[in-house]
C-alpha cells in the first residue's frame, strides 16, 4: 500500500474523523458514524468506500446492518503513522 495514498486519504477532515472513530470504537455501522460525527449517510458511505478501495477497512454483515472496522494488517503495517495521529 502506498503511504502517500493513505496520507492523501486522511487529509480529508471527515475521513480523518471516521478513521479516528473506527480506532476508538473498533467497529461501527454507517448510522453510528452519522450520529457520532454529524455526517449525512450518503457522505459517510462515500468516504467508507474510499477506505475500502485502499483496503484499509473491512466490513461484515450482521442481519441488515454492515459493521466497518480497520483491518489488522493495516494497523500492524502503519503503527508509526497511527501513533502519530493519535498523539
N, C-alpha and C. Protein backbone atom coordinates (compact mmCIF):
# COMPACT_ATOMS: atom_id res chain seq x y z
N UNK A 1 0.84 -1.19 0.00
CA UNK A 1 0.00 0.00 0.00
C UNK A 1 0.88 1.24 0.00
N UNK A 2 0.53 2.16 -0.83
CA UNK A 2 1.28 3.40 -0.96
C UNK A 2 0.97 4.33 0.22
N UNK A 3 2.00 4.68 0.99
CA UNK A 3 1.82 5.55 2.16
C UNK A 3 1.28 6.92 1.76
N UNK A 4 1.69 7.39 0.59
CA UNK A 4 1.20 8.68 0.11
C UNK A 4 -0.32 8.65 -0.05
N UNK A 5 -0.84 7.55 -0.60
CA UNK A 5 -2.29 7.42 -0.79
C UNK A 5 -3.03 7.43 0.55
N UNK A 6 -2.43 6.83 1.57
CA UNK A 6 -3.04 6.81 2.90
C UNK A 6 -3.09 8.22 3.46
N UNK A 7 -1.98 8.93 3.38
CA UNK A 7 -1.93 10.31 3.89
C UNK A 7 -2.91 11.19 3.12
N UNK A 8 -2.96 11.02 1.81
CA UNK A 8 -3.89 11.77 0.98
C UNK A 8 -5.34 11.49 1.40
N UNK A 9 -5.65 10.22 1.64
CA UNK A 9 -7.00 9.84 2.06
C UNK A 9 -7.36 10.49 3.39
N UNK A 10 -6.42 10.47 4.33
CA UNK A 10 -6.70 11.01 5.66
C UNK A 10 -6.61 12.53 5.72
N UNK A 11 -6.20 13.16 4.63
CA UNK A 11 -6.13 14.62 4.64
C UNK A 11 -7.51 15.27 4.61
N UNK A 12 -8.53 14.49 4.24
CA UNK A 12 -9.90 14.99 4.29
C UNK A 12 -10.39 14.93 5.73
N UNK A 13 -10.94 16.02 6.23
CA UNK A 13 -11.34 16.12 7.64
C UNK A 13 -12.36 15.04 8.02
N UNK A 14 -13.37 14.81 7.19
CA UNK A 14 -14.38 13.80 7.51
C UNK A 14 -13.78 12.40 7.53
N UNK A 15 -12.94 12.08 6.56
CA UNK A 15 -12.31 10.75 6.54
C UNK A 15 -11.38 10.57 7.73
N UNK A 16 -10.66 11.62 8.09
CA UNK A 16 -9.80 11.55 9.27
C UNK A 16 -10.63 11.25 10.51
N UNK A 17 -11.75 11.94 10.66
CA UNK A 17 -12.61 11.72 11.83
C UNK A 17 -13.23 10.32 11.83
N UNK A 18 -13.61 9.83 10.65
CA UNK A 18 -14.14 8.47 10.56
C UNK A 18 -13.07 7.48 10.99
N UNK A 19 -11.86 7.66 10.49
CA UNK A 19 -10.75 6.78 10.84
C UNK A 19 -10.51 6.79 12.36
N UNK A 20 -10.49 7.97 12.95
CA UNK A 20 -10.25 8.07 14.39
C UNK A 20 -11.37 7.41 15.19
N UNK A 21 -12.61 7.53 14.75
CA UNK A 21 -13.73 6.88 15.45
C UNK A 21 -13.64 5.36 15.31
N UNK A 22 -13.21 4.88 14.14
CA UNK A 22 -13.03 3.44 13.98
C UNK A 22 -11.90 2.93 14.87
N UNK A 23 -10.87 3.72 15.06
CA UNK A 23 -9.81 3.34 16.01
C UNK A 23 -10.36 3.29 17.43
N UNK A 24 -11.16 4.27 17.77
CA UNK A 24 -11.69 4.38 19.13
C UNK A 24 -12.70 3.28 19.45
N UNK A 25 -13.61 3.00 18.53
CA UNK A 25 -14.71 2.07 18.79
C UNK A 25 -14.49 0.67 18.22
N UNK A 26 -13.44 0.46 17.45
CA UNK A 26 -13.12 -0.82 16.81
C UNK A 26 -14.06 -1.18 15.66
N UNK A 27 -15.36 -1.01 15.83
CA UNK A 27 -16.32 -1.40 14.80
C UNK A 27 -17.56 -0.52 14.88
N UNK A 28 -17.95 0.03 13.73
CA UNK A 28 -19.12 0.91 13.68
C UNK A 28 -19.90 0.67 12.39
N UNK A 29 -21.20 0.93 12.44
CA UNK A 29 -22.01 0.91 11.22
C UNK A 29 -22.16 2.36 10.73
N UNK A 30 -22.68 2.52 9.54
CA UNK A 30 -22.84 3.85 8.95
C UNK A 30 -23.69 4.74 9.86
N UNK A 31 -24.77 4.20 10.39
CA UNK A 31 -25.66 5.02 11.23
C UNK A 31 -24.96 5.50 12.50
N UNK A 32 -24.07 4.69 13.06
CA UNK A 32 -23.33 5.10 14.26
C UNK A 32 -22.33 6.21 13.91
N UNK A 33 -21.67 6.08 12.77
CA UNK A 33 -20.74 7.12 12.33
C UNK A 33 -21.49 8.43 12.09
N UNK A 34 -22.66 8.32 11.46
CA UNK A 34 -23.51 9.50 11.24
C UNK A 34 -23.79 10.22 12.55
N UNK A 35 -24.23 9.45 13.55
CA UNK A 35 -24.58 10.03 14.85
C UNK A 35 -23.36 10.65 15.55
N UNK A 36 -22.24 9.95 15.49
CA UNK A 36 -21.04 10.44 16.19
C UNK A 36 -20.47 11.70 15.56
N UNK A 37 -20.52 11.79 14.24
CA UNK A 37 -19.84 12.88 13.54
C UNK A 37 -20.77 13.89 12.88
N UNK A 38 -22.06 13.59 12.82
CA UNK A 38 -23.00 14.51 12.18
C UNK A 38 -22.82 14.60 10.68
N UNK A 39 -22.41 13.49 10.06
CA UNK A 39 -22.22 13.44 8.62
C UNK A 39 -23.41 12.70 8.01
N UNK A 40 -23.90 13.16 6.90
CA UNK A 40 -25.04 12.51 6.24
C UNK A 40 -24.66 11.10 5.77
N UNK A 41 -25.67 10.24 5.68
CA UNK A 41 -25.46 8.83 5.32
C UNK A 41 -24.75 8.68 3.99
N UNK A 42 -25.16 9.44 2.99
CA UNK A 42 -24.55 9.33 1.66
C UNK A 42 -23.07 9.70 1.69
N UNK A 43 -22.73 10.75 2.41
CA UNK A 43 -21.32 11.16 2.53
C UNK A 43 -20.51 10.13 3.31
N UNK A 44 -21.09 9.61 4.37
CA UNK A 44 -20.41 8.59 5.16
C UNK A 44 -20.10 7.37 4.31
N UNK A 45 -21.07 6.91 3.56
CA UNK A 45 -20.87 5.75 2.68
C UNK A 45 -19.82 6.02 1.62
N UNK A 46 -19.82 7.23 1.07
CA UNK A 46 -18.84 7.60 0.05
C UNK A 46 -17.42 7.55 0.63
N UNK A 47 -17.25 8.07 1.84
CA UNK A 47 -15.95 8.05 2.48
C UNK A 47 -15.52 6.62 2.82
N UNK A 48 -16.44 5.82 3.31
CA UNK A 48 -16.11 4.42 3.64
C UNK A 48 -15.68 3.65 2.40
N UNK A 49 -16.28 3.94 1.27
CA UNK A 49 -15.90 3.27 0.03
C UNK A 49 -14.45 3.58 -0.33
N UNK A 50 -14.03 4.80 -0.11
CA UNK A 50 -12.63 5.17 -0.39
C UNK A 50 -11.68 4.38 0.51
N UNK A 51 -12.05 4.19 1.77
CA UNK A 51 -11.25 3.35 2.66
C UNK A 51 -11.20 1.91 2.17
N UNK A 52 -12.34 1.40 1.75
CA UNK A 52 -12.41 0.02 1.25
C UNK A 52 -11.58 -0.14 -0.02
N UNK A 53 -11.62 0.85 -0.90
CA UNK A 53 -10.86 0.79 -2.15
C UNK A 53 -9.36 0.67 -1.89
N UNK A 54 -8.88 1.30 -0.82
CA UNK A 54 -7.46 1.20 -0.46
C UNK A 54 -7.18 0.04 0.49
N UNK A 55 -8.21 -0.75 0.76
CA UNK A 55 -8.10 -1.94 1.63
C UNK A 55 -7.63 -1.59 3.04
N UNK A 56 -8.16 -0.49 3.55
CA UNK A 56 -7.84 -0.05 4.91
C UNK A 56 -8.86 -0.59 5.90
N UNK A 57 -10.11 -0.69 5.46
CA UNK A 57 -11.16 -1.19 6.34
C UNK A 57 -11.77 -2.46 5.76
N UNK A 58 -12.41 -3.19 6.65
CA UNK A 58 -13.17 -4.37 6.23
C UNK A 58 -14.60 -4.21 6.74
N UNK A 59 -15.48 -5.03 6.24
CA UNK A 59 -16.88 -4.95 6.66
C UNK A 59 -17.42 -6.35 6.89
N UNK A 60 -18.41 -6.41 7.74
CA UNK A 60 -19.11 -7.68 7.96
C UNK A 60 -20.59 -7.39 8.18
N UNK A 61 -21.40 -8.27 7.65
CA UNK A 61 -22.85 -8.10 7.73
C UNK A 61 -23.39 -8.78 8.98
N UNK A 62 -24.23 -8.06 9.71
CA UNK A 62 -24.97 -8.60 10.84
C UNK A 62 -26.43 -8.31 10.56
N UNK A 63 -27.16 -9.35 10.12
CA UNK A 63 -28.55 -9.22 9.68
C UNK A 63 -28.64 -8.16 8.57
N UNK A 64 -29.29 -7.02 8.83
CA UNK A 64 -29.42 -6.00 7.79
C UNK A 64 -28.47 -4.82 8.00
N UNK A 65 -27.45 -5.01 8.83
CA UNK A 65 -26.51 -3.94 9.15
C UNK A 65 -25.10 -4.36 8.72
N UNK A 66 -24.32 -3.41 8.26
CA UNK A 66 -22.92 -3.68 7.92
C UNK A 66 -22.04 -2.91 8.89
N UNK A 67 -21.16 -3.64 9.55
CA UNK A 67 -20.22 -3.05 10.50
C UNK A 67 -18.85 -2.91 9.84
N UNK A 68 -18.20 -1.78 10.06
CA UNK A 68 -16.90 -1.49 9.47
C UNK A 68 -15.84 -1.43 10.55
N UNK A 69 -14.65 -1.92 10.22
CA UNK A 69 -13.53 -1.86 11.14
C UNK A 69 -12.24 -1.71 10.34
N UNK A 70 -11.20 -1.22 11.02
CA UNK A 70 -9.89 -1.09 10.36
C UNK A 70 -9.24 -2.46 10.34
N UNK A 71 -8.67 -2.81 9.21
CA UNK A 71 -8.03 -4.12 9.05
C UNK A 71 -6.80 -4.22 9.95
N UNK A 72 -6.64 -5.39 10.55
CA UNK A 72 -5.49 -5.65 11.42
C UNK A 72 -4.18 -5.48 10.65
N UNK A 73 -4.14 -5.95 9.41
CA UNK A 73 -2.93 -5.82 8.59
C UNK A 73 -2.54 -4.36 8.43
N UNK A 74 -3.53 -3.52 8.18
CA UNK A 74 -3.25 -2.10 8.02
C UNK A 74 -2.71 -1.52 9.32
N UNK A 75 -3.33 -1.87 10.44
CA UNK A 75 -2.88 -1.37 11.74
C UNK A 75 -1.44 -1.78 12.01
N UNK A 76 -1.11 -3.03 11.75
CA UNK A 76 0.24 -3.52 12.01
C UNK A 76 1.28 -2.87 11.10
N UNK A 77 0.96 -2.69 9.84
CA UNK A 77 1.90 -2.12 8.88
C UNK A 77 2.08 -0.61 9.05
N UNK A 78 1.13 0.05 9.68
CA UNK A 78 1.15 1.51 9.78
C UNK A 78 1.12 2.01 11.21
N UNK A 79 1.70 1.25 12.11
CA UNK A 79 1.66 1.60 13.54
C UNK A 79 2.29 2.97 13.82
N UNK A 80 3.38 3.30 13.15
CA UNK A 80 4.02 4.61 13.39
C UNK A 80 3.11 5.75 12.98
N UNK A 81 2.46 5.63 11.85
CA UNK A 81 1.52 6.65 11.40
C UNK A 81 0.37 6.79 12.40
N UNK A 82 -0.16 5.67 12.84
CA UNK A 82 -1.29 5.69 13.76
C UNK A 82 -0.90 6.32 15.08
N UNK A 83 0.28 5.98 15.59
CA UNK A 83 0.75 6.59 16.84
C UNK A 83 0.86 8.09 16.69
N UNK A 84 1.35 8.53 15.53
CA UNK A 84 1.47 9.96 15.27
C UNK A 84 0.10 10.64 15.25
N UNK A 85 -0.88 10.00 14.62
CA UNK A 85 -2.22 10.58 14.51
C UNK A 85 -2.92 10.66 15.85
N UNK A 86 -2.70 9.68 16.69
CA UNK A 86 -3.41 9.59 17.97
C UNK A 86 -2.87 10.60 18.98
N UNK A 87 -1.61 10.94 18.88
CA UNK A 87 -0.99 11.85 19.86
C UNK A 87 -1.52 13.25 19.72
